[in-house]
Amino acid sequence: MVTEDGITKTTFVSREAEFIPFSSVISIHSHRVPGMQGKAGQISRGYFESVLVLEDDKKLLISPDIFENYHEIIEAIRNR
């Protein structure tokens, strides 16, 4: 969940919540994950994923496969 001050990440299984303030994000490294190719042609086009580097040397992978609101999260971080 994106808030005004940061991101609240809730683990699906345990329902544990962790708050990550925007101020702790040092940088974002985005790259494209290539699509899959089969014998009959391209199966998927691929997707973008981003790695947030936090000030405590932790990294958080954010991708559309993990977060339904991937684009909202990335936009909120870049606008802060």
C-alpha atoms as a PDB file:
ATOM      1  CA  MET A   1       0.000   0.000   0.000  1.00  0.00           C
ATOM      2  CA  VAL A   2       1.318   3.423  -0.934  1.00  0.00           C
ATOM      3  CA  THR A   3       0.869   6.196   1.628  1.00  0.00           C
ATOM      4  CA  GLU A   4       1.935   9.813   1.613  1.00  0.00           C
ATOM      5  CA  ASP A   5       5.141   9.030   3.534  1.00  0.00           C
ATOM      6  CA  GLY A   6       6.114   5.591   2.255  1.00  0.00           C
ATOM      7  CA  ILE A   7       5.149   2.057   1.387  1.00  0.00           C
ATOM      8  CA  THR A   8       3.516  -0.469   3.687  1.00  0.00           C
ATOM      9  CA  LYS A   9       4.509  -3.954   2.564  1.00  0.00           C
ATOM     10  CA  THR A  10       2.285  -6.743   3.907  1.00  0.00           C
ATOM     11  CA  THR A  11       3.414 -10.353   3.590  1.00  0.00           C
ATOM     12  CA  PHE A  12       0.688 -12.509   2.055  1.00  0.00           C
ATOM     13  CA  VAL A  13       1.031 -15.599   4.255  1.00  0.00           C
ATOM     14  CA  SER A  14       1.931 -14.173   7.663  1.00  0.00           C
ATOM     15  CA  ARG A  15       0.150 -10.819   7.193  1.00  0.00           C
ATOM     16  CA  GLU A  16       3.165  -9.059   8.764  1.00  0.00           C
ATOM     17  CA  ALA A  17       3.378  -5.403   7.813  1.00  0.00           C
ATOM     18  CA  GLU A  18       6.604  -3.474   7.262  1.00  0.00           C
ATOM     19  CA  PHE A  19       6.674   0.285   6.658  1.00  0.00           C
ATOM     20  CA  ILE A  20       9.350   1.602   4.275  1.00  0.00           C
ATOM     21  CA  PRO A  21       9.561   5.418   4.330  1.00  0.00           C
ATOM     22  CA  PHE A  22      10.341   7.138   1.032  1.00  0.00           C
ATOM     23  CA  SER A  23      13.227   8.898   2.783  1.00  0.00           C
ATOM     24  CA  SER A  24      15.018   5.548   3.234  1.00  0.00           C
ATOM     25  CA  VAL A  25      15.077   4.832  -0.526  1.00  0.00           C
ATOM     26  CA  ILE A  26      18.535   5.732  -1.830  1.00  0.00           C
ATOM     27  CA  SER A  27      18.044   4.665  -5.437  1.00  0.00           C
ATOM     28  CA  ILE A  28      15.913   2.646  -7.837  1.00  0.00           C
ATOM     29  CA  HIS A  29      17.460   0.305 -10.380  1.00  0.00           C
ATOM     30  CA  SER A  30      14.971  -0.698 -13.077  1.00  0.00           C
ATOM     31  CA  HIS A  31      15.537  -3.253 -15.784  1.00  0.00           C
ATOM     32  CA  ARG A  32      13.507  -5.261 -18.256  1.00  0.00           C
ATOM     33  CA  VAL A  33      13.066  -8.985 -17.770  1.00  0.00           C
ATOM     34  CA  PRO A  34      12.983 -10.537 -21.248  1.00  0.00           C
ATOM     35  CA  GLY A  35       9.974 -12.482 -22.404  1.00  0.00           C
ATOM     36  CA  MET A  36       9.907 -16.220 -22.895  1.00  0.00           C
ATOM     37  CA  GLN A  37      10.313 -17.806 -26.304  1.00  0.00           C
ATOM     38  CA  GLY A  38       8.848 -21.164 -27.280  1.00  0.00           C
ATOM     39  CA  LYS A  39       9.029 -23.291 -30.435  1.00  0.00           C
ATOM     40  CA  ALA A  40       5.830 -21.683 -31.726  1.00  0.00           C
ATOM     41  CA  GLY A  41       7.017 -18.133 -31.004  1.00  0.00           C
ATOM     42  CA  GLN A  42       6.993 -15.602 -28.231  1.00  0.00           C
ATOM     43  CA  ILE A  43       5.082 -16.696 -25.113  1.00  0.00           C
ATOM     44  CA  SER A  44       5.331 -13.408 -23.203  1.00  0.00           C
ATOM     45  CA  ARG A  45       6.690  -9.948 -23.955  1.00  0.00           C
ATOM     46  CA  GLY A  46       8.545  -9.636 -20.668  1.00  0.00           C
ATOM     47  CA  TYR A  47       8.146  -7.002 -17.983  1.00  0.00           C
ATOM     48  CA  PHE A  48       9.995  -4.362 -15.998  1.00  0.00           C
ATOM     49  CA  GLU A  49      11.066  -4.845 -12.417  1.00  0.00           C
ATOM     50  CA  SER A  50      12.784  -2.483 -10.034  1.00  0.00           C
ATOM     51  CA  VAL A  51      15.119  -2.941  -7.112  1.00  0.00           C
ATOM     52  CA  LEU A  52      14.883  -0.369  -4.348  1.00  0.00           C
ATOM     53  CA  VAL A  53      18.185   0.205  -2.573  1.00  0.00           C
ATOM     54  CA  LEU A  54      17.479   1.291   0.998  1.00  0.00           C
ATOM     55  CA  GLU A  55      19.769   3.197   3.338  1.00  0.00           C
ATOM     56  CA  ASP A  56      20.312   0.169   5.611  1.00  0.00           C
ATOM     57  CA  ASP A  57      21.854  -1.734   2.628  1.00  0.00           C
ATOM     58  CA  LYS A  58      18.686  -3.773   2.182  1.00  0.00           C
ATOM     59  CA  LYS A  59      17.206  -4.273  -1.247  1.00  0.00           C
ATOM     60  CA  LEU A  60      13.563  -4.709  -2.117  1.00  0.00           C
ATOM     61  CA  LEU A  61      12.496  -6.212  -5.436  1.00  0.00           C
ATOM     62  CA  ILE A  62       9.361  -4.642  -6.847  1.00  0.00           C
ATOM     63  CA  SER A  63       7.856  -6.251  -9.914  1.00  0.00           C
ATOM     64  CA  PRO A  64       4.379  -6.605 -11.414  1.00  0.00           C
ATOM     65  CA  ASP A  65       4.468 -10.306 -10.466  1.00  0.00           C
ATOM     66  CA  ILE A  66       4.817  -9.460  -6.772  1.00  0.00           C
ATOM     67  CA  PHE A  67       2.904  -6.177  -6.444  1.00  0.00           C
ATOM     68  CA  GLU A  68      -0.457  -5.570  -8.131  1.00  0.00           C
ATOM     69  CA  ASN A  69       0.119  -1.816  -7.855  1.00  0.00           C
ATOM     70  CA  TYR A  70       3.693  -1.861  -9.225  1.00  0.00           C
ATOM     71  CA  HIS A  71       3.241   1.247 -11.383  1.00  0.00           C
ATOM     72  CA  GLU A  72       1.627   3.200  -8.531  1.00  0.00           C
ATOM     73  CA  ILE A  73       4.534   2.334  -6.204  1.00  0.00           C
ATOM     74  CA  ILE A  74       7.237   3.323  -8.700  1.00  0.00           C
ATOM     75  CA  GLU A  75       5.451   6.566  -9.586  1.00  0.00           C
ATOM     76  CA  ALA A  76       5.010   7.493  -5.916  1.00  0.00           C
ATOM     77  CA  ILE A  77       8.700   6.864  -5.156  1.00  0.00           C
ATOM     78  CA  ARG A  78       9.913   8.877  -8.156  1.00  0.00           C
ATOM     79  CA  ASN A  79       7.627  11.797  -7.246  1.00  0.00           C
ATOM     80  CA  ARG A  80       8.972  12.034  -3.675  1.00  0.00           C
END
